[in-house]
Amino acid sequence: MTHKKFPVWPKHPERICWGCAKYCPANDLQCGNGSERIQHPLETDGVFWYRQGDWQNLLDDLQLQALGRAPAMRAKPHIRLTVQNHPAADHTDTGRMPACPASAILPK
């Protein structure tokens, strides 16, 4: 199931509740989100509402690129950690943990 694309500049944001993905009409709230409609960020923060804050969870990548707010590319870590093998637990040749000898488990 795909989510609805969030409009950046809706024509009449006052007619819709923006509190959930249902986008209910302002006079027929169905989601139980409260008795008031949630305003669109355009109504509260102005025309350039997308310039402040992190809207990556609301806008998709294409919208963010069109607005000049392309998401940061996730870089792969370039750290290589060396693993030192302990001589008693050397199991690199088989890829498995060494078997515990029965003499170590059974009482004498």
N, C-alpha and C. Protein backbone atom coordinates (compact mmCIF):
# COMPACT_ATOMS: atom_id res chain seq x y z
N MET A 1 0.84 -1.17 0.00
CA MET A 1 0.00 0.00 0.00
C MET A 1 0.89 1.24 0.00
N THR A 2 0.69 2.11 -0.95
CA THR A 2 1.48 3.33 -1.02
C THR A 2 0.77 4.45 -0.28
N HIS A 3 1.54 5.35 0.24
CA HIS A 3 0.96 6.47 0.96
C HIS A 3 0.65 7.60 -0.01
N LYS A 4 -0.27 8.47 0.39
CA LYS A 4 -0.62 9.61 -0.45
C LYS A 4 0.51 10.62 -0.43
N LYS A 5 0.73 11.25 -1.57
CA LYS A 5 1.76 12.27 -1.66
C LYS A 5 1.27 13.52 -0.92
N PHE A 6 2.09 14.04 -0.04
CA PHE A 6 1.73 15.21 0.75
C PHE A 6 1.88 16.46 -0.12
N PRO A 7 0.82 17.26 -0.27
CA PRO A 7 0.92 18.45 -1.12
C PRO A 7 1.75 19.54 -0.46
N VAL A 8 2.64 20.13 -1.22
CA VAL A 8 3.51 21.18 -0.70
C VAL A 8 2.75 22.49 -0.60
N TRP A 9 2.02 22.85 -1.65
CA TRP A 9 1.23 24.08 -1.65
C TRP A 9 -0.21 23.76 -2.05
N PRO A 10 -1.04 23.28 -1.12
CA PRO A 10 -2.44 23.00 -1.48
C PRO A 10 -3.20 24.31 -1.75
N LYS A 11 -4.22 24.24 -2.62
CA LYS A 11 -4.99 25.44 -2.98
C LYS A 11 -5.81 25.96 -1.81
N HIS A 12 -6.46 25.08 -1.09
CA HIS A 12 -7.31 25.46 0.04
C HIS A 12 -6.98 24.59 1.25
N PRO A 13 -5.87 24.86 1.93
CA PRO A 13 -5.48 23.99 3.05
C PRO A 13 -6.46 24.07 4.22
N GLU A 14 -7.24 25.12 4.31
CA GLU A 14 -8.17 25.28 5.42
C GLU A 14 -9.36 24.32 5.33
N ARG A 15 -9.54 23.68 4.20
CA ARG A 15 -10.68 22.78 4.01
C ARG A 15 -10.40 21.35 4.45
N ILE A 16 -9.15 21.03 4.79
CA ILE A 16 -8.75 19.65 5.07
C ILE A 16 -8.04 19.56 6.41
N CYS A 17 -8.24 18.45 7.11
CA CYS A 17 -7.48 18.16 8.33
C CYS A 17 -6.22 17.41 7.89
N TRP A 18 -5.07 17.87 8.33
CA TRP A 18 -3.80 17.30 7.90
C TRP A 18 -3.18 16.42 8.97
N GLY A 19 -3.97 15.97 9.96
CA GLY A 19 -3.45 15.21 11.09
C GLY A 19 -3.08 13.77 10.80
N CYS A 20 -3.64 13.17 9.77
CA CYS A 20 -3.31 11.79 9.43
C CYS A 20 -3.37 11.63 7.92
N ALA A 21 -3.22 10.42 7.44
CA ALA A 21 -3.20 10.17 6.00
C ALA A 21 -4.59 10.12 5.38
N LYS A 22 -5.64 10.27 6.18
CA LYS A 22 -7.00 10.25 5.62
C LYS A 22 -7.37 11.56 4.95
N TYR A 23 -6.79 12.67 5.41
CA TYR A 23 -7.09 14.00 4.87
C TYR A 23 -8.59 14.26 4.85
N CYS A 24 -9.21 14.17 6.02
CA CYS A 24 -10.65 14.35 6.15
C CYS A 24 -11.05 15.80 5.88
N PRO A 25 -12.27 16.01 5.40
CA PRO A 25 -12.77 17.38 5.29
C PRO A 25 -12.84 18.01 6.68
N ALA A 26 -12.65 19.29 6.75
CA ALA A 26 -12.60 19.98 8.05
C ALA A 26 -13.91 19.87 8.81
N ASN A 27 -15.02 19.69 8.11
CA ASN A 27 -16.31 19.60 8.81
C ASN A 27 -16.74 18.16 9.08
N ASP A 28 -15.89 17.18 8.78
CA ASP A 28 -16.22 15.77 9.00
C ASP A 28 -14.96 15.01 9.41
N LEU A 29 -14.50 15.22 10.63
CA LEU A 29 -13.28 14.55 11.12
C LEU A 29 -13.61 13.12 11.48
N GLN A 30 -12.90 12.16 10.89
CA GLN A 30 -13.20 10.74 11.08
C GLN A 30 -12.16 9.98 11.87
N CYS A 31 -10.98 10.51 12.00
CA CYS A 31 -9.90 9.70 12.57
C CYS A 31 -9.87 9.71 14.10
N GLY A 32 -10.63 10.56 14.75
CA GLY A 32 -10.58 10.62 16.20
C GLY A 32 -9.34 11.33 16.69
N ASN A 33 -8.76 12.15 15.85
CA ASN A 33 -7.55 12.87 16.18
C ASN A 33 -7.84 14.04 17.12
N GLY A 34 -9.08 14.26 17.40
CA GLY A 34 -9.48 15.37 18.26
C GLY A 34 -10.65 16.09 17.63
N SER A 35 -11.06 17.17 18.26
CA SER A 35 -12.21 17.90 17.75
C SER A 35 -11.79 19.06 16.86
N GLU A 36 -10.50 19.29 16.74
CA GLU A 36 -10.00 20.35 15.89
C GLU A 36 -9.21 19.76 14.73
N ARG A 37 -9.22 20.43 13.62
CA ARG A 37 -8.42 19.96 12.50
C ARG A 37 -6.97 20.40 12.68
N ILE A 38 -6.06 19.61 12.18
CA ILE A 38 -4.64 19.93 12.21
C ILE A 38 -4.33 20.78 10.99
N GLN A 39 -3.65 21.90 11.19
CA GLN A 39 -3.35 22.80 10.09
C GLN A 39 -2.18 22.29 9.26
N HIS A 40 -2.20 22.67 8.00
CA HIS A 40 -1.08 22.39 7.10
C HIS A 40 0.07 23.30 7.50
N PRO A 41 1.32 22.85 7.35
CA PRO A 41 2.45 23.72 7.70
C PRO A 41 2.45 25.05 6.94
N LEU A 42 1.84 25.09 5.77
CA LEU A 42 1.72 26.32 5.00
C LEU A 42 0.94 27.38 5.78
N GLU A 43 -0.07 26.94 6.53
CA GLU A 43 -0.89 27.87 7.30
C GLU A 43 -0.16 28.41 8.53
N THR A 44 0.69 27.61 9.11
CA THR A 44 1.36 28.03 10.34
C THR A 44 2.72 28.67 10.11
N ASP A 45 3.45 28.20 9.08
CA ASP A 45 4.83 28.67 8.88
C ASP A 45 5.03 29.48 7.61
N GLY A 46 3.99 29.67 6.80
CA GLY A 46 4.11 30.48 5.60
C GLY A 46 4.47 29.69 4.37
N VAL A 47 4.68 30.41 3.28
CA VAL A 47 4.89 29.80 1.97
C VAL A 47 6.15 28.93 1.92
N PHE A 48 7.19 29.34 2.64
CA PHE A 48 8.44 28.58 2.61
C PHE A 48 8.57 27.69 3.85
N TRP A 49 7.49 27.02 4.21
CA TRP A 49 7.44 26.19 5.41
C TRP A 49 8.44 25.04 5.37
N TYR A 50 8.78 24.57 4.19
CA TYR A 50 9.65 23.40 4.03
C TYR A 50 11.12 23.72 4.26
N ARG A 51 11.47 24.99 4.38
CA ARG A 51 12.88 25.37 4.55
C ARG A 51 13.39 25.15 5.97
N GLN A 52 12.51 25.09 6.92
CA GLN A 52 12.92 24.87 8.31
C GLN A 52 12.44 23.51 8.77
N GLY A 53 13.25 22.84 9.51
CA GLY A 53 12.87 21.55 10.06
C GLY A 53 13.21 20.40 9.13
N ASP A 54 12.95 19.21 9.61
CA ASP A 54 13.23 17.99 8.87
C ASP A 54 11.90 17.40 8.41
N TRP A 55 11.63 17.45 7.12
CA TRP A 55 10.37 16.97 6.55
C TRP A 55 10.57 15.67 5.78
N GLN A 56 11.66 14.95 6.00
CA GLN A 56 11.91 13.74 5.24
C GLN A 56 10.87 12.65 5.49
N ASN A 57 10.24 12.67 6.65
CA ASN A 57 9.23 11.65 6.92
C ASN A 57 7.88 12.02 6.30
N LEU A 58 7.73 13.27 5.83
CA LEU A 58 6.47 13.73 5.27
C LEU A 58 6.52 13.83 3.74
N LEU A 59 7.64 14.31 3.23
CA LEU A 59 7.81 14.49 1.78
C LEU A 59 8.67 13.37 1.23
N ASP A 60 8.38 12.96 0.01
CA ASP A 60 9.22 11.91 -0.58
C ASP A 60 10.47 12.52 -1.21
N ASP A 61 11.37 11.67 -1.67
CA ASP A 61 12.67 12.13 -2.18
C ASP A 61 12.53 13.04 -3.39
N LEU A 62 11.59 12.74 -4.29
CA LEU A 62 11.40 13.58 -5.48
C LEU A 62 10.92 14.97 -5.10
N GLN A 63 10.02 15.06 -4.13
CA GLN A 63 9.56 16.37 -3.67
C GLN A 63 10.69 17.16 -3.03
N LEU A 64 11.48 16.49 -2.21
CA LEU A 64 12.60 17.18 -1.56
C LEU A 64 13.62 17.68 -2.58
N GLN A 65 13.87 16.90 -3.62
CA GLN A 65 14.80 17.34 -4.66
C GLN A 65 14.24 18.52 -5.43
N ALA A 66 12.94 18.51 -5.73
CA ALA A 66 12.31 19.62 -6.44
C ALA A 66 12.36 20.91 -5.62
N LEU A 67 12.32 20.79 -4.31
CA LEU A 67 12.36 21.96 -3.43
C LEU A 67 13.79 22.38 -3.09
N GLY A 68 14.76 21.66 -3.61
CA GLY A 68 16.15 21.98 -3.31
C GLY A 68 16.59 21.50 -1.94
N ARG A 69 15.87 20.57 -1.38
CA ARG A 69 16.18 20.03 -0.05
C ARG A 69 16.45 18.54 -0.17
N ALA A 70 17.27 18.16 -1.12
CA ALA A 70 17.55 16.75 -1.37
C ALA A 70 18.06 16.09 -0.11
N PRO A 71 17.59 14.89 0.19
CA PRO A 71 18.06 14.20 1.39
C PRO A 71 19.54 13.88 1.29
N ALA A 72 20.19 13.91 2.40
CA ALA A 72 21.63 13.61 2.43
C ALA A 72 21.85 12.16 2.03
N MET A 73 22.84 11.96 1.20
CA MET A 73 23.18 10.61 0.79
C MET A 73 23.78 9.88 1.98
N ARG A 74 23.35 8.69 2.19
CA ARG A 74 23.87 7.92 3.30
C ARG A 74 25.20 7.30 2.90
N ALA A 75 26.23 7.78 3.51
CA ALA A 75 27.57 7.30 3.19
C ALA A 75 27.85 5.99 3.92
N LYS A 76 28.55 5.14 3.25
CA LYS A 76 28.97 3.90 3.89
C LYS A 76 30.14 4.22 4.83
N PRO A 77 30.19 3.58 5.95
CA PRO A 77 31.31 3.85 6.85
C PRO A 77 32.62 3.35 6.25
N HIS A 78 33.64 4.15 6.40
CA HIS A 78 34.94 3.79 5.85
C HIS A 78 35.91 3.39 6.95
N ILE A 79 35.38 2.83 7.99
CA ILE A 79 36.20 2.40 9.11
C ILE A 79 36.37 0.89 9.01
N ARG A 80 37.58 0.45 9.03
CA ARG A 80 37.84 -0.98 9.01
C ARG A 80 38.43 -1.35 10.36
N LEU A 81 37.72 -2.17 11.08
CA LEU A 81 38.19 -2.63 12.38
C LEU A 81 38.88 -3.97 12.22
N THR A 82 40.03 -4.08 12.82
CA THR A 82 40.73 -5.36 12.77
C THR A 82 40.31 -6.19 13.98
N VAL A 83 40.07 -7.43 13.73
CA VAL A 83 39.66 -8.34 14.79
C VAL A 83 40.86 -9.20 15.17
N GLN A 84 41.20 -9.16 16.44
CA GLN A 84 42.31 -9.97 16.90
C GLN A 84 41.77 -11.27 17.46
N ASN A 85 42.28 -12.35 16.96
CA ASN A 85 41.84 -13.66 17.43
C ASN A 85 42.58 -14.04 18.70
N HIS A 86 41.83 -14.50 19.65
CA HIS A 86 42.42 -15.01 20.88
C HIS A 86 42.90 -16.42 20.60
N PRO A 87 44.11 -16.80 21.04
CA PRO A 87 44.62 -18.13 20.71
C PRO A 87 43.74 -19.27 21.23
N ALA A 88 43.06 -19.09 22.34
CA ALA A 88 42.23 -20.16 22.89
C ALA A 88 40.91 -20.28 22.14
N ALA A 89 40.50 -19.23 21.46
CA ALA A 89 39.21 -19.26 20.76
C ALA A 89 39.43 -19.10 19.27
N ASP A 90 40.43 -19.73 18.74
CA ASP A 90 40.72 -19.62 17.32
C ASP A 90 39.81 -20.56 16.55
N HIS A 91 38.85 -20.00 15.88
CA HIS A 91 37.92 -20.81 15.11
C HIS A 91 37.76 -20.23 13.70
N THR A 92 38.77 -19.55 13.24
CA THR A 92 38.70 -18.91 11.94
C THR A 92 38.78 -19.90 10.79
N ASP A 93 39.39 -21.06 11.03
CA ASP A 93 39.54 -22.01 9.93
C ASP A 93 38.24 -22.72 9.59
N THR A 94 37.37 -22.96 10.57
CA THR A 94 36.13 -23.68 10.31
C THR A 94 34.92 -22.76 10.25
N GLY A 95 35.02 -21.56 10.79
CA GLY A 95 33.88 -20.67 10.82
C GLY A 95 32.92 -20.98 11.94
N ARG A 96 33.24 -21.97 12.78
CA ARG A 96 32.37 -22.34 13.90
C ARG A 96 33.16 -22.24 15.18
N MET A 97 32.44 -22.19 16.27
CA MET A 97 33.09 -22.19 17.58
C MET A 97 33.66 -23.58 17.82
N PRO A 98 34.83 -23.66 18.47
CA PRO A 98 35.41 -24.98 18.75
C PRO A 98 34.54 -25.74 19.76
N ALA A 99 34.50 -27.05 19.58
CA ALA A 99 33.72 -27.89 20.49
C ALA A 99 34.39 -27.92 21.85
N CYS A 100 33.57 -27.91 22.86
CA CYS A 100 34.08 -27.96 24.22
C CYS A 100 34.39 -29.43 24.53
N PRO A 101 35.56 -29.75 25.07
CA PRO A 101 35.87 -31.15 25.37
C PRO A 101 34.95 -31.67 26.47
N ALA A 102 34.60 -32.93 26.39
CA ALA A 102 33.68 -33.55 27.37
C ALA A 102 34.28 -33.53 28.77
N SER A 103 35.59 -33.56 28.89
CA SER A 103 36.22 -33.55 30.19
C SER A 103 35.98 -32.24 30.93
N ALA A 104 35.72 -31.17 30.19
CA ALA A 104 35.47 -29.90 30.84
C ALA A 104 34.04 -29.81 31.36
N ILE A 105 33.13 -30.63 30.83
CA ILE A 105 31.72 -30.56 31.23
C ILE A 105 31.41 -31.61 32.29
N LEU A 106 31.89 -32.85 32.11
CA LEU A 106 31.55 -33.93 33.01
C LEU A 106 32.37 -33.86 34.31
N PRO A 107 31.72 -34.15 35.42
CA PRO A 107 32.48 -34.18 36.68
C PRO A 107 33.39 -35.39 36.72
N LYS A 108 34.48 -35.27 37.44
CA LYS A 108 35.45 -36.36 37.53
C LYS A 108 35.14 -37.29 38.66
